[in-house]
Amino acid sequence: MMKKIIGRWLTISVVFLVCVTGCMQSPKSQHYELVGGTPEIDYIDFLNDTLCRYVVPGPLTFTTRYTQEGDTYIIHINSTIKARLYKTDEGNLRGEAPFFEGIWVKKK
């Protein structure tokens, strides 16, 4: 009887700790929208430390890799094409032509 109680308590404790540490480690996504754009299609979501999601003409939603070097986000559109976004002093992003040209404002 005592072994069952201790076993259940340990199981519940371990599950609780796994849930808490898992939530603490998962970063929140960052959502940016293009100034003057259409919010439904002109956005970039940085989902975690390596993936981002954006809409391309079609419209198609792409999820691709990105890297961050200081205040520069480098989105790897495919194996050879990369686009750069630079963080401004206000916390927005300034994109290079032709892919992400313009100012992107953080919304979430």
PDB file of N, CA and C in Angstrom:
ATOM      1  N   MET A   1       0.826  -1.193   0.000  1.00  0.00           N
ATOM      2  CA  MET A   1       0.000   0.000   0.000  1.00  0.00           C
ATOM      3  C   MET A   1       0.872   1.259   0.000  1.00  0.00           C
ATOM      4  N   MET A   2       1.857   1.284   0.887  1.00  0.00           N
ATOM      5  CA  MET A   2       2.744   2.451   0.981  1.00  0.00           C
ATOM      6  C   MET A   2       3.574   2.596  -0.294  1.00  0.00           C
ATOM      7  N   LYS A   3       3.976   1.477  -0.897  1.00  0.00           N
ATOM      8  CA  LYS A   3       4.743   1.529  -2.137  1.00  0.00           C
ATOM      9  C   LYS A   3       3.911   2.143  -3.265  1.00  0.00           C
ATOM     10  N   LYS A   4       2.605   1.822  -3.316  1.00  0.00           N
ATOM     11  CA  LYS A   4       1.732   2.384  -4.337  1.00  0.00           C
ATOM     12  C   LYS A   4       1.619   3.905  -4.188  1.00  0.00           C
ATOM     13  N   ILE A   5       1.463   4.358  -2.971  1.00  0.00           N
ATOM     14  CA  ILE A   5       1.326   5.793  -2.715  1.00  0.00           C
ATOM     15  C   ILE A   5       2.604   6.523  -3.100  1.00  0.00           C
ATOM     16  N   ILE A   6       3.742   5.982  -2.698  1.00  0.00           N
ATOM     17  CA  ILE A   6       5.028   6.603  -3.038  1.00  0.00           C
ATOM     18  C   ILE A   6       5.249   6.563  -4.549  1.00  0.00           C
ATOM     19  N   GLY A   7       4.918   5.452  -5.177  1.00  0.00           N
ATOM     20  CA  GLY A   7       5.076   5.310  -6.620  1.00  0.00           C
ATOM     21  C   GLY A   7       4.221   6.315  -7.385  1.00  0.00           C
ATOM     22  N   ARG A   8       2.971   6.470  -6.976  1.00  0.00           N
ATOM     23  CA  ARG A   8       2.089   7.435  -7.632  1.00  0.00           C
ATOM     24  C   ARG A   8       2.578   8.869  -7.416  1.00  0.00           C
ATOM     25  N   TRP A   9       3.017   9.163  -6.202  1.00  0.00           N
ATOM     26  CA  TRP A   9       3.523  10.507  -5.903  1.00  0.00           C
ATOM     27  C   TRP A   9       4.748  10.812  -6.763  1.00  0.00           C
ATOM     28  N   LEU A  10       5.654   9.844  -6.885  1.00  0.00           N
ATOM     29  CA  LEU A  10       6.843  10.043  -7.721  1.00  0.00           C
ATOM     30  C   LEU A  10       6.463  10.236  -9.192  1.00  0.00           C
ATOM     31  N   THR A  11       5.527   9.439  -9.670  1.00  0.00           N
ATOM     32  CA  THR A  11       5.092   9.553 -11.060  1.00  0.00           C
ATOM     33  C   THR A  11       4.494  10.924 -11.333  1.00  0.00           C
ATOM     34  N   ILE A  12       3.604  11.358 -10.467  1.00  0.00           N
ATOM     35  CA  ILE A  12       2.975  12.676 -10.630  1.00  0.00           C
ATOM     36  C   ILE A  12       4.026  13.781 -10.559  1.00  0.00           C
ATOM     37  N   SER A  13       4.976  13.661  -9.648  1.00  0.00           N
ATOM     38  CA  SER A  13       6.030  14.677  -9.506  1.00  0.00           C
ATOM     39  C   SER A  13       6.895  14.750 -10.753  1.00  0.00           C
ATOM     40  N   VAL A  14       7.271  13.609 -11.301  1.00  0.00           N
ATOM     41  CA  VAL A  14       8.116  13.585 -12.495  1.00  0.00           C
ATOM     42  C   VAL A  14       7.369  14.181 -13.689  1.00  0.00           C
ATOM     43  N   VAL A  15       6.119  13.813 -13.868  1.00  0.00           N
ATOM     44  CA  VAL A  15       5.324  14.347 -14.976  1.00  0.00           C
ATOM     45  C   VAL A  15       5.185  15.864 -14.836  1.00  0.00           C
ATOM     46  N   PHE A  16       4.931  16.339 -13.642  1.00  0.00           N
ATOM     47  CA  PHE A  16       4.815  17.773 -13.397  1.00  0.00           C
ATOM     48  C   PHE A  16       6.118  18.493 -13.729  1.00  0.00           C
ATOM     49  N   LEU A  17       7.247  17.955 -13.285  1.00  0.00           N
ATOM     50  CA  LEU A  17       8.538  18.589 -13.553  1.00  0.00           C
ATOM     51  C   LEU A  17       8.863  18.603 -15.040  1.00  0.00           C
ATOM     52  N   VAL A  18       8.548  17.529 -15.739  1.00  0.00           N
ATOM     53  CA  VAL A  18       8.794  17.477 -17.181  1.00  0.00           C
ATOM     54  C   VAL A  18       7.955  18.540 -17.888  1.00  0.00           C
ATOM     55  N   CYS A  19       6.701  18.677 -17.488  1.00  0.00           N
ATOM     56  CA  CYS A  19       5.835  19.693 -18.109  1.00  0.00           C
ATOM     57  C   CYS A  19       6.342  21.098 -17.833  1.00  0.00           C
ATOM     58  N   VAL A  20       6.735  21.372 -16.608  1.00  0.00           N
ATOM     59  CA  VAL A  20       7.202  22.707 -16.244  1.00  0.00           C
ATOM     60  C   VAL A  20       8.496  23.045 -16.972  1.00  0.00           C
ATOM     61  N   THR A  21       9.461  22.136 -16.990  1.00  0.00           N
ATOM     62  CA  THR A  21      10.730  22.430 -17.664  1.00  0.00           C
ATOM     63  C   THR A  21      10.539  22.512 -19.169  1.00  0.00           C
ATOM     64  N   GLY A  22       9.646  21.735 -19.729  1.00  0.00           N
ATOM     65  CA  GLY A  22       9.372  21.813 -21.159  1.00  0.00           C
ATOM     66  C   GLY A  22       8.790  23.155 -21.543  1.00  0.00           C
ATOM     67  N   CYS A  23       7.884  23.679 -20.738  1.00  0.00           N
ATOM     68  CA  CYS A  23       7.294  24.987 -21.010  1.00  0.00           C
ATOM     69  C   CYS A  23       8.317  26.096 -20.843  1.00  0.00           C
ATOM     70  N   MET A  24       9.209  25.955 -19.910  1.00  0.00           N
ATOM     71  CA  MET A  24      10.212  26.988 -19.687  1.00  0.00           C
ATOM     72  C   MET A  24      11.220  27.031 -20.831  1.00  0.00           C
ATOM     73  N   GLN A  25      11.483  25.914 -21.477  1.00  0.00           N
ATOM     74  CA  GLN A  25      12.491  25.866 -22.522  1.00  0.00           C
ATOM     75  C   GLN A  25      11.961  26.264 -23.887  1.00  0.00           C
ATOM     76  N   SER A  26      10.647  26.192 -24.081  1.00  0.00           N
ATOM     77  CA  SER A  26      10.113  26.513 -25.399  1.00  0.00           C
ATOM     78  C   SER A  26       9.957  28.023 -25.534  1.00  0.00           C
ATOM     79  N   PRO A  27      10.733  28.639 -26.445  1.00  0.00           N
ATOM     80  CA  PRO A  27      10.648  30.083 -26.609  1.00  0.00           C
ATOM     81  C   PRO A  27       9.338  30.473 -27.289  1.00  0.00           C
ATOM     82  N   LYS A  28       8.862  31.658 -27.013  1.00  0.00           N
ATOM     83  CA  LYS A  28       7.656  32.140 -27.660  1.00  0.00           C
ATOM     84  C   LYS A  28       8.014  32.644 -29.041  1.00  0.00           C
ATOM     85  N   SER A  29       7.092  32.464 -29.969  1.00  0.00           N
ATOM     86  CA  SER A  29       7.365  32.944 -31.324  1.00  0.00           C
ATOM     87  C   SER A  29       7.257  34.468 -31.364  1.00  0.00           C
ATOM     88  N   GLN A  30       7.942  35.043 -32.317  1.00  0.00           N
ATOM     89  CA  GLN A  30       7.913  36.484 -32.531  1.00  0.00           C
ATOM     90  C   GLN A  30       7.219  36.739 -33.862  1.00  0.00           C
ATOM     91  N   HIS A  31       6.218  37.601 -33.849  1.00  0.00           N
ATOM     92  CA  HIS A  31       5.414  37.886 -35.033  1.00  0.00           C
ATOM     93  C   HIS A  31       5.695  39.311 -35.501  1.00  0.00           C
ATOM     94  N   TYR A  32       6.104  39.465 -36.754  1.00  0.00           N
ATOM     95  CA  TYR A  32       6.361  40.775 -37.348  1.00  0.00           C
ATOM     96  C   TYR A  32       5.452  40.955 -38.547  1.00  0.00           C
ATOM     97  N   GLU A  33       4.927  42.187 -38.719  1.00  0.00           N
ATOM     98  CA  GLU A  33       4.099  42.513 -39.882  1.00  0.00           C
ATOM     99  C   GLU A  33       4.732  43.672 -40.649  1.00  0.00           C
ATOM    100  N   LEU A  34       4.580  43.644 -41.955  1.00  0.00           N
ATOM    101  CA  LEU A  34       5.124  44.681 -42.827  1.00  0.00           C
ATOM    102  C   LEU A  34       4.304  45.961 -42.688  1.00  0.00           C
ATOM    103  N   VAL A  35       4.981  47.088 -42.471  1.00  0.00           N
ATOM    104  CA  VAL A  35       4.301  48.378 -42.376  1.00  0.00           C
ATOM    105  C   VAL A  35       3.666  48.697 -43.727  1.00  0.00           C
ATOM    106  N   GLY A  36       2.371  48.979 -43.725  1.00  0.00           N
ATOM    107  CA  GLY A  36       1.654  49.287 -44.956  1.00  0.00           C
ATOM    108  C   GLY A  36       1.234  48.062 -45.747  1.00  0.00           C
ATOM    109  N   GLY A  37       1.490  46.881 -45.205  1.00  0.00           N
ATOM    110  CA  GLY A  37       1.147  45.639 -45.902  1.00  0.00           C
ATOM    111  C   GLY A  37      -0.194  45.091 -45.450  1.00  0.00           C
ATOM    112  N   THR A  38      -0.541  43.934 -45.954  1.00  0.00           N
ATOM    113  CA  THR A  38      -1.751  43.230 -45.572  1.00  0.00           C
ATOM    114  C   THR A  38      -1.387  42.218 -44.488  1.00  0.00           C
ATOM    115  N   PRO A  39      -1.925  42.363 -43.273  1.00  0.00           N
ATOM    116  CA  PRO A  39      -1.511  41.500 -42.161  1.00  0.00           C
ATOM    117  C   PRO A  39      -1.683  39.999 -42.417  1.00  0.00           C
ATOM    118  N   GLU A  40      -2.667  39.623 -43.244  1.00  0.00           N
ATOM    119  CA  GLU A  40      -2.916  38.200 -43.500  1.00  0.00           C
ATOM    120  C   GLU A  40      -1.810  37.551 -44.320  1.00  0.00           C
ATOM    121  N   ILE A  41      -1.095  38.350 -45.135  1.00  0.00           N
ATOM    122  CA  ILE A  41      -0.059  37.755 -45.989  1.00  0.00           C
ATOM    123  C   ILE A  41       1.320  38.376 -45.812  1.00  0.00           C
ATOM    124  N   ASP A  42       1.398  39.569 -45.246  1.00  0.00           N
ATOM    125  CA  ASP A  42       2.693  40.241 -45.091  1.00  0.00           C
ATOM    126  C   ASP A  42       3.171  40.128 -43.656  1.00  0.00           C
ATOM    127  N   TYR A  43       3.644  38.938 -43.308  1.00  0.00           N
ATOM    128  CA  TYR A  43       4.125  38.704 -41.949  1.00  0.00           C
ATOM    129  C   TYR A  43       5.287  37.732 -41.953  1.00  0.00           C
ATOM    130  N   ILE A  44       6.032  37.754 -40.853  1.00  0.00           N
ATOM    131  CA  ILE A  44       7.099  36.789 -40.600  1.00  0.00           C
ATOM    132  C   ILE A  44       6.935  36.336 -39.159  1.00  0.00           C
ATOM    133  N   ASP A  45       6.890  35.038 -38.949  1.00  0.00           N
ATOM    134  CA  ASP A  45       6.858  34.471 -37.599  1.00  0.00           C
ATOM    135  C   ASP A  45       8.178  33.758 -37.359  1.00  0.00           C
ATOM    136  N   PHE A  46       8.924  34.198 -36.351  1.00  0.00           N
ATOM    137  CA  PHE A  46      10.105  33.459 -35.923  1.00  0.00           C
ATOM    138  C   PHE A  46       9.621  32.479 -34.876  1.00  0.00           C
ATOM    139  N   LEU A  47       9.511  31.202 -35.262  1.00  0.00           N
ATOM    140  CA  LEU A  47       8.863  30.188 -34.440  1.00  0.00           C
ATOM    141  C   LEU A  47       9.720  29.737 -33.263  1.00  0.00           C
ATOM    142  N   ASN A  48      11.004  29.616 -33.483  1.00  0.00           N
ATOM    143  CA  ASN A  48      11.941  29.216 -32.424  1.00  0.00           C
ATOM    144  C   ASN A  48      13.327  29.717 -32.820  1.00  0.00           C
ATOM    145  N   ASP A  49      14.358  29.074 -32.340  1.00  0.00           N
ATOM    146  CA  ASP A  49      15.718  29.538 -32.622  1.00  0.00           C
ATOM    147  C   ASP A  49      16.221  29.196 -34.020  1.00  0.00           C
ATOM    148  N   THR A  50      15.470  28.396 -34.783  1.00  0.00           N
ATOM    149  CA  THR A  50      15.968  27.977 -36.093  1.00  0.00           C
ATOM    150  C   THR A  50      14.942  28.061 -37.221  1.00  0.00           C
ATOM    151  N   LEU A  51      13.650  28.180 -36.926  1.00  0.00           N
ATOM    152  CA  LEU A  51      12.628  28.155 -37.969  1.00  0.00           C
ATOM    153  C   LEU A  51      11.812  29.441 -38.003  1.00  0.00           C
ATOM    154  N   CYS A  52      11.447  29.852 -39.225  1.00  0.00           N
ATOM    155  CA  CYS A  52      10.545  30.990 -39.385  1.00  0.00           C
ATOM    156  C   CYS A  52       9.509  30.642 -40.457  1.00  0.00           C
ATOM    157  N   ARG A  53       8.385  31.366 -40.412  1.00  0.00           N
ATOM    158  CA  ARG A  53       7.283  31.123 -41.358  1.00  0.00           C
ATOM    159  C   ARG A  53       6.908  32.458 -41.989  1.00  0.00           C
ATOM    160  N   TYR A  54       6.656  32.440 -43.303  1.00  0.00           N
ATOM    161  CA  TYR A  54       6.282  33.648 -44.027  1.00  0.00           C
ATOM    162  C   TYR A  54       5.473  33.245 -45.256  1.00  0.00           C
ATOM    163  N   VAL A  55       4.818  34.224 -45.876  1.00  0.00           N
ATOM    164  CA  VAL A  55       3.986  33.973 -47.050  1.00  0.00           C
ATOM    165  C   VAL A  55       4.705  34.514 -48.278  1.00  0.00           C
ATOM    166  N   VAL A  56       4.675  33.727 -49.352  1.00  0.00           N
ATOM    167  CA  VAL A  56       5.262  34.142 -50.634  1.00  0.00           C
ATOM    168  C   VAL A  56       4.129  34.274 -51.652  1.00  0.00           C
ATOM    169  N   PRO A  57       4.376  34.966 -52.773  1.00  0.00           N
ATOM    170  CA  PRO A  57       3.313  35.116 -53.780  1.00  0.00           C
ATOM    171  C   PRO A  57       2.730  33.770 -54.182  1.00  0.00           C
ATOM    172  N   GLY A  58       1.453  33.755 -54.312  1.00  0.00           N
ATOM    173  CA  GLY A  58       0.741  32.528 -54.651  1.00  0.00           C
ATOM    174  C   GLY A  58      -0.660  32.511 -54.091  1.00  0.00           C
ATOM    175  N   PRO A  59      -0.909  32.730 -52.852  1.00  0.00           N
ATOM    176  CA  PRO A  59       0.018  32.799 -51.706  1.00  0.00           C
ATOM    177  C   PRO A  59       0.322  31.409 -51.161  1.00  0.00           C
ATOM    178  N   LEU A  60       1.559  31.209 -50.826  1.00  0.00           N
ATOM    179  CA  LEU A  60       2.018  29.971 -50.202  1.00  0.00           C
ATOM    180  C   LEU A  60       2.709  30.326 -48.890  1.00  0.00           C
ATOM    181  N   THR A  61       2.494  29.513 -47.882  1.00  0.00           N
ATOM    182  CA  THR A  61       3.164  29.725 -46.600  1.00  0.00           C
ATOM    183  C   THR A  61       4.382  28.819 -46.546  1.00  0.00           C
ATOM    184  N   PHE A  62       5.537  29.421 -46.331  1.00  0.00           N
ATOM    185  CA  PHE A  62       6.798  28.679 -46.242  1.00  0.00           C
ATOM    186  C   PHE A  62       7.281  28.662 -44.802  1.00  0.00           C
ATOM    187  N   THR A  63       7.861  27.562 -44.411  1.00  0.00           N
ATOM    188  CA  THR A  63       8.581  27.456 -43.145  1.00  0.00           C
ATOM    189  C   THR A  63      10.001  27.057 -43.495  1.00  0.00           C
ATOM    190  N   THR A  64      10.959  27.923 -43.164  1.00  0.00           N
ATOM    191  CA  THR A  64      12.352  27.666 -43.514  1.00  0.00           C
ATOM    192  C   THR A  64      13.259  27.963 -42.330  1.00  0.00           C
ATOM    193  N   ARG A  65      14.517  27.608 -42.512  1.00  0.00           N
ATOM    194  CA  ARG A  65      15.536  27.859 -41.495  1.00  0.00           C
ATOM    195  C   ARG A  65      15.958  29.313 -41.513  1.00  0.00           C
ATOM    196  N   TYR A  66      16.401  29.781 -40.354  1.00  0.00           N
ATOM    197  CA  TYR A  66      17.047  31.089 -40.302  1.00  0.00           C
ATOM    198  C   TYR A  66      18.154  31.033 -39.260  1.00  0.00           C
ATOM    199  N   THR A  67      19.089  31.942 -39.388  1.00  0.00           N
ATOM    200  CA  THR A  67      20.139  32.086 -38.390  1.00  0.00           C
ATOM    201  C   THR A  67      20.172  33.544 -37.959  1.00  0.00           C
ATOM    202  N   GLN A  68      20.712  33.764 -36.786  1.00  0.00           N
ATOM    203  CA  GLN A  68      20.836  35.131 -36.287  1.00  0.00           C
ATOM    204  C   GLN A  68      22.292  35.400 -35.968  1.00  0.00           C
ATOM    205  N   GLU A  69      22.806  36.468 -36.541  1.00  0.00           N
ATOM    206  CA  GLU A  69      24.180  36.891 -36.287  1.00  0.00           C
ATOM    207  C   GLU A  69      24.121  38.312 -35.740  1.00  0.00           C
ATOM    208  N   GLY A  70      24.195  38.444 -34.431  1.00  0.00           N
ATOM    209  CA  GLY A  70      24.053  39.753 -33.805  1.00  0.00           C
ATOM    210  C   GLY A  70      22.651  40.275 -34.004  1.00  0.00           C
ATOM    211  N   ASP A  71      22.536  41.451 -34.633  1.00  0.00           N
ATOM    212  CA  ASP A  71      21.225  42.052 -34.906  1.00  0.00           C
ATOM    213  C   ASP A  71      20.725  41.760 -36.315  1.00  0.00           C
ATOM    214  N   THR A  72      21.318  40.777 -36.976  1.00  0.00           N
ATOM    215  CA  THR A  72      20.935  40.421 -38.338  1.00  0.00           C
ATOM    216  C   THR A  72      20.296  39.039 -38.365  1.00  0.00           C
ATOM    217  N   TYR A  73      19.083  38.977 -38.942  1.00  0.00           N
ATOM    218  CA  TYR A  73      18.414  37.693 -39.165  1.00  0.00           C
ATOM    219  C   TYR A  73      18.655  37.301 -40.618  1.00  0.00           C
ATOM    220  N   ILE A  74      19.148  36.099 -40.844  1.00  0.00           N
ATOM    221  CA  ILE A  74      19.405  35.610 -42.200  1.00  0.00           C
ATOM    222  C   ILE A  74      18.443  34.450 -42.461  1.00  0.00           C
ATOM    223  N   ILE A  75      17.485  34.685 -43.355  1.00  0.00           N
ATOM    224  CA  ILE A  75      16.487  33.670 -43.694  1.00  0.00           C
ATOM    225  C   ILE A  75      16.994  32.890 -44.895  1.00  0.00           C
ATOM    226  N   HIS A  76      17.078  31.579 -44.746  1.00  0.00           N
ATOM    227  CA  HIS A  76      17.568  30.685 -45.801  1.00  0.00           C
ATOM    228  C   HIS A  76      16.371  30.244 -46.638  1.00  0.00           C
ATOM    229  N   ILE A  77      16.107  30.967 -47.724  1.00  0.00           N
ATOM    230  CA  ILE A  77      14.941  30.687 -48.557  1.00  0.00           C
ATOM    231  C   ILE A  77      15.075  29.324 -49.229  1.00  0.00           C
ATOM    232  N   ASN A  78      16.241  29.026 -49.747  1.00  0.00           N
ATOM    233  CA  ASN A  78      16.566  27.669 -50.211  1.00  0.00           C
ATOM    234  C   ASN A  78      18.061  27.473 -49.976  1.00  0.00           C
ATOM    235  N   SER A  79      18.642  26.470 -50.593  1.00  0.00           N
ATOM    236  CA  SER A  79      20.045  26.167 -50.283  1.00  0.00           C
ATOM    237  C   SER A  79      21.021  27.249 -50.745  1.00  0.00           C
ATOM    238  N   THR A  80      20.622  28.082 -51.694  1.00  0.00           N
ATOM    239  CA  THR A  80      21.550  29.104 -52.196  1.00  0.00           C
ATOM    240  C   THR A  80      21.083  30.541 -51.972  1.00  0.00           C
ATOM    241  N   ILE A  81      19.788  30.762 -51.791  1.00  0.00           N
ATOM    242  CA  ILE A  81      19.256  32.122 -51.658  1.00  0.00           C
ATOM    243  C   ILE A  81      18.999  32.440 -50.192  1.00  0.00           C
ATOM    244  N   LYS A  82      19.522  33.599 -49.781  1.00  0.00           N
ATOM    245  CA  LYS A  82      19.332  34.050 -48.402  1.00  0.00           C
ATOM    246  C   LYS A  82      18.816  35.484 -48.424  1.00  0.00           C
ATOM    247  N   ALA A  83      17.985  35.815 -47.444  1.00  0.00           N
ATOM    248  CA  ALA A  83      17.486  37.184 -47.289  1.00  0.00           C
ATOM    249  C   ALA A  83      17.886  37.682 -45.915  1.00  0.00           C
ATOM    250  N   ARG A  84      18.169  38.984 -45.818  1.00  0.00           N
ATOM    251  CA  ARG A  84      18.619  39.555 -44.543  1.00  0.00           C
ATOM    252  C   ARG A  84      17.629  40.577 -44.023  1.00  0.00           C
ATOM    253  N   LEU A  85      17.442  40.538 -42.711  1.00  0.00           N
ATOM    254  CA  LEU A  85      16.657  41.546 -42.002  1.00  0.00           C
ATOM    255  C   LEU A  85      17.529  42.063 -40.872  1.00  0.00           C
ATOM    256  N   TYR A  86      17.539  43.378 -40.701  1.00  0.00           N
ATOM    257  CA  TYR A  86      18.386  44.001 -39.678  1.00  0.00           C
ATOM    258  C   TYR A  86      17.509  44.613 -38.591  1.00  0.00           C
ATOM    259  N   LYS A  87      17.838  44.364 -37.339  1.00  0.00           N
ATOM    260  CA  LYS A  87      17.095  44.939 -36.229  1.00  0.00           C
ATOM    261  C   LYS A  87      17.451  46.415 -36.100  1.00  0.00           C
ATOM    262  N   THR A  88      16.412  47.260 -35.979  1.00  0.00           N
ATOM    263  CA  THR A  88      16.620  48.700 -35.837  1.00  0.00           C
ATOM    264  C   THR A  88      16.678  49.058 -34.350  1.00  0.00           C
ATOM    265  N   ASP A  89      16.998  50.309 -34.067  1.00  0.00           N
ATOM    266  CA  ASP A  89      17.061  50.774 -32.681  1.00  0.00           C
ATOM    267  C   ASP A  89      15.705  50.699 -31.987  1.00  0.00           C
ATOM    268  N   GLU A  90      14.626  50.803 -32.754  1.00  0.00           N
ATOM    269  CA  GLU A  90      13.272  50.754 -32.182  1.00  0.00           C
ATOM    270  C   GLU A  90      12.794  49.329 -31.922  1.00  0.00           C
ATOM    271  N   GLY A  91      13.566  48.325 -32.319  1.00  0.00           N
ATOM    272  CA  GLY A  91      13.167  46.932 -32.138  1.00  0.00           C
ATOM    273  C   GLY A  91      12.437  46.354 -33.339  1.00  0.00           C
ATOM    274  N   ASN A  92      12.287  47.135 -34.401  1.00  0.00           N
ATOM    275  CA  ASN A  92      11.670  46.646 -35.629  1.00  0.00           C
ATOM    276  C   ASN A  92      12.733  45.967 -36.482  1.00  0.00           C
ATOM    277  N   LEU A  93      12.317  45.435 -37.624  1.00  0.00           N
ATOM    278  CA  LEU A  93      13.253  44.847 -38.574  1.00  0.00           C
ATOM    279  C   LEU A  93      13.192  45.620 -39.878  1.00  0.00           C
ATOM    280  N   ARG A  94      14.346  45.825 -40.504  1.00  0.00           N
ATOM    281  CA  ARG A  94      14.435  46.464 -41.817  1.00  0.00           C
ATOM    282  C   ARG A  94      14.933  45.415 -42.793  1.00  0.00           C
ATOM    283  N   GLY A  95      14.122  45.105 -43.805  1.00  0.00           N
ATOM    284  CA  GLY A  95      14.453  44.054 -44.749  1.00  0.00           C
ATOM    285  C   GLY A  95      15.102  44.563 -46.011  1.00  0.00           C
ATOM    286  N   GLU A  96      15.921  43.701 -46.609  1.00  0.00           N
ATOM    287  CA  GLU A  96      16.572  44.004 -47.885  1.00  0.00           C
ATOM    288  C   GLU A  96      15.676  43.599 -49.044  1.00  0.00           C
ATOM    289  N   ALA A  97      15.830  44.319 -50.163  1.00  0.00           N
ATOM    290  CA  ALA A  97      15.154  43.930 -51.398  1.00  0.00           C
ATOM    291  C   ALA A  97      15.833  42.673 -51.936  1.00  0.00           C
ATOM    292  N   PRO A  98      15.197  41.831 -52.659  1.00  0.00           N
ATOM    293  CA  PRO A  98      13.830  41.913 -53.152  1.00  0.00           C
ATOM    294  C   PRO A  98      12.822  41.154 -52.297  1.00  0.00           C
ATOM    295  N   PHE A  99      13.272  40.353 -51.332  1.00  0.00           N
ATOM    296  CA  PHE A  99      12.347  39.444 -50.652  1.00  0.00           C
ATOM    297  C   PHE A  99      11.587  40.070 -49.492  1.00  0.00           C
ATOM    298  N   PHE A 100      12.241  40.760 -48.607  1.00  0.00           N
ATOM    299  CA  PHE A 100      11.596  41.275 -47.403  1.00  0.00           C
ATOM    300  C   PHE A 100      11.799  42.782 -47.278  1.00  0.00           C
ATOM    301  N   GLU A 101      11.746  43.484 -48.399  1.00  0.00           N
ATOM    302  CA  GLU A 101      12.003  44.925 -48.415  1.00  0.00           C
ATOM    303  C   GLU A 101      10.953  45.656 -47.572  1.00  0.00           C
ATOM    304  N   GLY A 102      11.411  46.582 -46.741  1.00  0.00           N
ATOM    305  CA  GLY A 102      10.497  47.390 -45.943  1.00  0.00           C
ATOM    306  C   GLY A 102      10.786  47.274 -44.460  1.00  0.00           C
ATOM    307  N   ILE A 103       9.917  47.900 -43.670  1.00  0.00           N
ATOM    308  CA  ILE A 103      10.034  47.866 -42.211  1.00  0.00           C
ATOM    309  C   ILE A 103       8.999  46.895 -41.668  1.00  0.00           C
ATOM    310  N   TRP A 104       9.451  46.029 -40.795  1.00  0.00           N
ATOM    311  CA  TRP A 104       8.604  45.002 -40.183  1.00  0.00           C
ATOM    312  C   TRP A 104       8.483  45.318 -38.697  1.00  0.00           C
ATOM    313  N   VAL A 105       7.246  45.437 -38.210  1.00  0.00           N
ATOM    314  CA  VAL A 105       6.976  45.828 -36.826  1.00  0.00           C
ATOM    315  C   VAL A 105       6.545  44.603 -36.023  1.00  0.00           C
ATOM    316  N   LYS A 106       7.109  44.468 -34.826  1.00  0.00           N
ATOM    317  CA  LYS A 106       6.760  43.347 -33.946  1.00  0.00           C
ATOM    318  C   LYS A 106       5.347  43.548 -33.415  1.00  0.00           C
ATOM    319  N   LYS A 107       4.503  42.532 -33.530  1.00  0.00           N
ATOM    320  CA  LYS A 107       3.111  42.629 -33.117  1.00  0.00           C
ATOM    321  C   LYS A 107       2.768  41.806 -31.891  1.00  0.00           C
ATOM    322  N   LYS A 108       3.415  40.688 -31.666  1.00  0.00           N
ATOM    323  CA  LYS A 108       3.083  39.832 -30.518  1.00  0.00           C
ATOM    324  C   LYS A 108       4.256  39.727 -29.591  1.00  0.00           C
TER     325      LYS A 108
END
